[in-house]
Amino acid sequence: MVIQATALAKTTRSSLNWADARRRVISHYREWQKAVPEIQKIYTLDIPVPTIRAKIRQEFERQRHVQQLPVVDVLLQKGHAEYQETVNYWKQLPHVMKFFRAEEDPRARVSGAFMENFLQGRN
């Protein structure tokens, strides 16, 4: 696979209104979802495609309630940079796997009991 740095490049622009921002966010979300099988293949992830897609959905849902248009534009810009780095294989495996750490899952939080955690070998 030949990597072209400019193949995924987009110019930075501001959204005209909320409808434009919504269209751009949905387009960006679809780009990520379509790229999941390729991402799984190039990084040789042993995580199933539906799990990766669910994590991408979770990351988008985390920013769902942003109410300021300039903030949405910055998030889109950062998201596209992340997408370009991921698809062009500019990241290493640990950079991709950090999204799937147990610490990121609120249900997998470590309990507050020090001795229990120590005996289980957790930091």
C-alpha atoms as a PDB file:
ATOM      1  CA  MET A   1       0.000   0.000   0.000  1.00  0.00           C
ATOM      2  CA  VAL A   2       1.444   3.332  -1.076  1.00  0.00           C
ATOM      3  CA  ILE A   3       0.836   6.156   1.349  1.00  0.00           C
ATOM      4  CA  GLN A   4       0.133   9.560  -0.106  1.00  0.00           C
ATOM      5  CA  ALA A   5       0.155  12.242   2.543  1.00  0.00           C
ATOM      6  CA  THR A   6      -2.093  14.524   0.519  1.00  0.00           C
ATOM      7  CA  ALA A   7      -4.653  11.893  -0.447  1.00  0.00           C
ATOM      8  CA  LEU A   8      -6.784  12.531   2.636  1.00  0.00           C
ATOM      9  CA  ALA A   9      -5.909  16.187   3.126  1.00  0.00           C
ATOM     10  CA  LYS A  10      -8.773  18.629   3.575  1.00  0.00           C
ATOM     11  CA  THR A  11      -8.664  22.369   3.887  1.00  0.00           C
ATOM     12  CA  THR A  12      -9.690  23.833   7.207  1.00  0.00           C
ATOM     13  CA  ARG A  13     -12.956  25.698   7.066  1.00  0.00           C
ATOM     14  CA  SER A  14     -15.667  26.972   9.349  1.00  0.00           C
ATOM     15  CA  SER A  15     -19.220  25.719   9.259  1.00  0.00           C
ATOM     16  CA  LEU A  16     -21.717  28.190   7.843  1.00  0.00           C
ATOM     17  CA  ASN A  17     -24.515  27.209  10.234  1.00  0.00           C
ATOM     18  CA  TRP A  18     -25.712  24.288  12.348  1.00  0.00           C
ATOM     19  CA  ALA A  19     -27.101  22.411   9.333  1.00  0.00           C
ATOM     20  CA  ASP A  20     -23.720  22.607   7.618  1.00  0.00           C
ATOM     21  CA  ALA A  21     -21.936  21.495  10.797  1.00  0.00           C
ATOM     22  CA  ARG A  22     -24.327  18.563  11.185  1.00  0.00           C
ATOM     23  CA  ARG A  23     -23.720  17.493   7.577  1.00  0.00           C
ATOM     24  CA  ARG A  24     -19.954  17.698   8.085  1.00  0.00           C
ATOM     25  CA  VAL A  25     -20.088  15.687  11.326  1.00  0.00           C
ATOM     26  CA  ILE A  26     -22.206  12.951   9.730  1.00  0.00           C
ATOM     27  CA  SER A  27     -19.861  12.826   6.736  1.00  0.00           C
ATOM     28  CA  HIS A  28     -16.854  12.543   9.037  1.00  0.00           C
ATOM     29  CA  TYR A  29     -18.564   9.816  11.067  1.00  0.00           C
ATOM     30  CA  ARG A  30     -19.264   7.832   7.892  1.00  0.00           C
ATOM     31  CA  GLU A  31     -15.633   8.166   6.797  1.00  0.00           C
ATOM     32  CA  TRP A  32     -14.516   6.601  10.083  1.00  0.00           C
ATOM     33  CA  GLN A  33     -17.082   3.796   9.878  1.00  0.00           C
ATOM     34  CA  LYS A  34     -16.158   2.937   6.295  1.00  0.00           C
ATOM     35  CA  ALA A  35     -12.459   2.822   7.171  1.00  0.00           C
ATOM     36  CA  VAL A  36     -12.832   0.378  10.084  1.00  0.00           C
ATOM     37  CA  PRO A  37     -12.111  -2.846   8.121  1.00  0.00           C
ATOM     38  CA  GLU A  38      -9.019  -1.246   6.580  1.00  0.00           C
ATOM     39  CA  ILE A  39      -7.846   0.021   9.980  1.00  0.00           C
ATOM     40  CA  GLN A  40      -8.316  -3.438  11.460  1.00  0.00           C
ATOM     41  CA  LYS A  41      -6.310  -4.956   8.622  1.00  0.00           C
ATOM     42  CA  ILE A  42      -3.362  -2.529   8.534  1.00  0.00           C
ATOM     43  CA  TYR A  43      -2.888  -2.523  12.310  1.00  0.00           C
ATOM     44  CA  THR A  44      -3.608  -6.292  12.558  1.00  0.00           C
ATOM     45  CA  LEU A  45      -6.025  -5.718  15.421  1.00  0.00           C
ATOM     46  CA  ASP A  46      -7.534  -8.750  17.099  1.00  0.00           C
ATOM     47  CA  ILE A  47     -10.604  -6.668  17.946  1.00  0.00           C
ATOM     48  CA  PRO A  48     -13.762  -7.428  15.958  1.00  0.00           C
ATOM     49  CA  VAL A  49     -15.060  -4.811  13.523  1.00  0.00           C
ATOM     50  CA  PRO A  50     -18.331  -4.219  15.450  1.00  0.00           C
ATOM     51  CA  THR A  51     -16.345  -3.422  18.603  1.00  0.00           C
ATOM     52  CA  ILE A  52     -14.197  -0.892  16.767  1.00  0.00           C
ATOM     53  CA  ARG A  53     -17.284   0.681  15.231  1.00  0.00           C
ATOM     54  CA  ALA A  54     -18.946   0.861  18.644  1.00  0.00           C
ATOM     55  CA  LYS A  55     -15.882   2.620  20.066  1.00  0.00           C
ATOM     56  CA  ILE A  56     -15.944   5.167  17.242  1.00  0.00           C
ATOM     57  CA  ARG A  57     -19.634   5.748  17.920  1.00  0.00           C
ATOM     58  CA  GLN A  58     -18.862   6.203  21.619  1.00  0.00           C
ATOM     59  CA  GLU A  59     -16.205   8.822  20.837  1.00  0.00           C
ATOM     60  CA  PHE A  60     -18.653  10.766  18.663  1.00  0.00           C
ATOM     61  CA  GLU A  61     -21.417  10.482  21.271  1.00  0.00           C
ATOM     62  CA  ARG A  62     -19.084  11.872  23.908  1.00  0.00           C
ATOM     63  CA  GLN A  63     -19.097  15.225  22.079  1.00  0.00           C
ATOM     64  CA  ARG A  64     -22.780  15.148  21.177  1.00  0.00           C
ATOM     65  CA  HIS A  65     -23.889  18.016  23.390  1.00  0.00           C
ATOM     66  CA  VAL A  66     -21.416  20.658  22.214  1.00  0.00           C
ATOM     67  CA  GLN A  67     -23.387  23.880  21.769  1.00  0.00           C
ATOM     68  CA  GLN A  68     -20.840  26.205  20.157  1.00  0.00           C
ATOM     69  CA  LEU A  69     -20.252  26.165  16.432  1.00  0.00           C
ATOM     70  CA  PRO A  70     -16.520  27.099  16.600  1.00  0.00           C
ATOM     71  CA  VAL A  71     -15.949  24.227  19.035  1.00  0.00           C
ATOM     72  CA  VAL A  72     -17.608  21.818  16.593  1.00  0.00           C
ATOM     73  CA  ASP A  73     -15.308  23.095  13.846  1.00  0.00           C
ATOM     74  CA  VAL A  74     -12.211  22.511  15.994  1.00  0.00           C
ATOM     75  CA  LEU A  75     -13.413  19.008  16.920  1.00  0.00           C
ATOM     76  CA  LEU A  76     -13.952  18.238  13.235  1.00  0.00           C
ATOM     77  CA  GLN A  77     -10.467  19.471  12.405  1.00  0.00           C
ATOM     78  CA  LYS A  78      -8.894  17.375  15.167  1.00  0.00           C
ATOM     79  CA  GLY A  79     -11.010  14.382  14.214  1.00  0.00           C
ATOM     80  CA  HIS A  80      -9.946  14.584  10.615  1.00  0.00           C
ATOM     81  CA  ALA A  81      -6.280  14.841  11.612  1.00  0.00           C
ATOM     82  CA  GLU A  82      -6.752  11.728  13.763  1.00  0.00           C
ATOM     83  CA  TYR A  83      -8.469   9.963  10.851  1.00  0.00           C
ATOM     84  CA  GLN A  84      -5.704  10.893   8.409  1.00  0.00           C
ATOM     85  CA  GLU A  85      -2.972   9.721  10.791  1.00  0.00           C
ATOM     86  CA  THR A  86      -4.780   6.449  11.447  1.00  0.00           C
ATOM     87  CA  VAL A  87      -5.620   5.546   7.862  1.00  0.00           C
ATOM     88  CA  ASN A  88      -2.200   6.550   6.529  1.00  0.00           C
ATOM     89  CA  TYR A  89      -0.572   4.242   9.104  1.00  0.00           C
ATOM     90  CA  TRP A  90       1.307   7.092  10.756  1.00  0.00           C
ATOM     91  CA  LYS A  91       0.467   5.723  14.190  1.00  0.00           C
ATOM     92  CA  GLN A  92       1.936   2.818  16.011  1.00  0.00           C
ATOM     93  CA  LEU A  93      -0.151   0.028  17.486  1.00  0.00           C
ATOM     94  CA  PRO A  94      -0.067   1.422  21.062  1.00  0.00           C
ATOM     95  CA  HIS A  95      -1.509   4.714  19.794  1.00  0.00           C
ATOM     96  CA  VAL A  96      -4.486   2.887  18.342  1.00  0.00           C
ATOM     97  CA  MET A  97      -4.889   0.505  21.275  1.00  0.00           C
ATOM     98  CA  LYS A  98      -5.071   3.351  23.808  1.00  0.00           C
ATOM     99  CA  PHE A  99      -8.700   3.827  22.785  1.00  0.00           C
ATOM    100  CA  PHE A 100      -9.488   0.285  23.925  1.00  0.00           C
ATOM    101  CA  ARG A 101      -7.842   0.356  27.357  1.00  0.00           C
ATOM    102  CA  ALA A 102      -9.902  -0.822  30.285  1.00  0.00           C
ATOM    103  CA  GLU A 103      -9.306   2.540  31.969  1.00  0.00           C
ATOM    104  CA  GLU A 104     -11.328   4.226  29.226  1.00  0.00           C
ATOM    105  CA  ASP A 105     -14.362   2.091  30.097  1.00  0.00           C
ATOM    106  CA  PRO A 106     -16.177   3.576  33.112  1.00  0.00           C
ATOM    107  CA  ARG A 107     -17.565   0.142  34.036  1.00  0.00           C
ATOM    108  CA  ALA A 108     -14.035  -1.221  34.410  1.00  0.00           C
ATOM    109  CA  ARG A 109     -12.884   1.336  36.957  1.00  0.00           C
ATOM    110  CA  VAL A 110     -10.639   0.084  39.731  1.00  0.00           C
ATOM    111  CA  SER A 111     -12.266   0.009  43.144  1.00  0.00           C
ATOM    112  CA  GLY A 112     -10.999   2.262  45.913  1.00  0.00           C
ATOM    113  CA  ALA A 113      -9.807  -0.516  48.219  1.00  0.00           C
ATOM    114  CA  PHE A 114      -6.004  -0.346  48.154  1.00  0.00           C
ATOM    115  CA  MET A 115      -5.348  -3.814  49.568  1.00  0.00           C
ATOM    116  CA  GLU A 116      -7.805  -5.484  47.181  1.00  0.00           C
ATOM    117  CA  ASN A 117      -6.162  -3.775  44.202  1.00  0.00           C
ATOM    118  CA  PHE A 118      -2.691  -4.608  45.480  1.00  0.00           C
ATOM    119  CA  LEU A 119      -3.519  -8.285  45.829  1.00  0.00           C
ATOM    120  CA  GLN A 120      -4.963  -8.309  42.332  1.00  0.00           C
ATOM    121  CA  GLY A 121      -1.765  -6.750  40.963  1.00  0.00           C
ATOM    122  CA  ARG A 122      -3.342  -3.461  39.858  1.00  0.00           C
ATOM    123  CA  ASN A 123      -1.584  -0.129  40.180  1.00  0.00           C
END
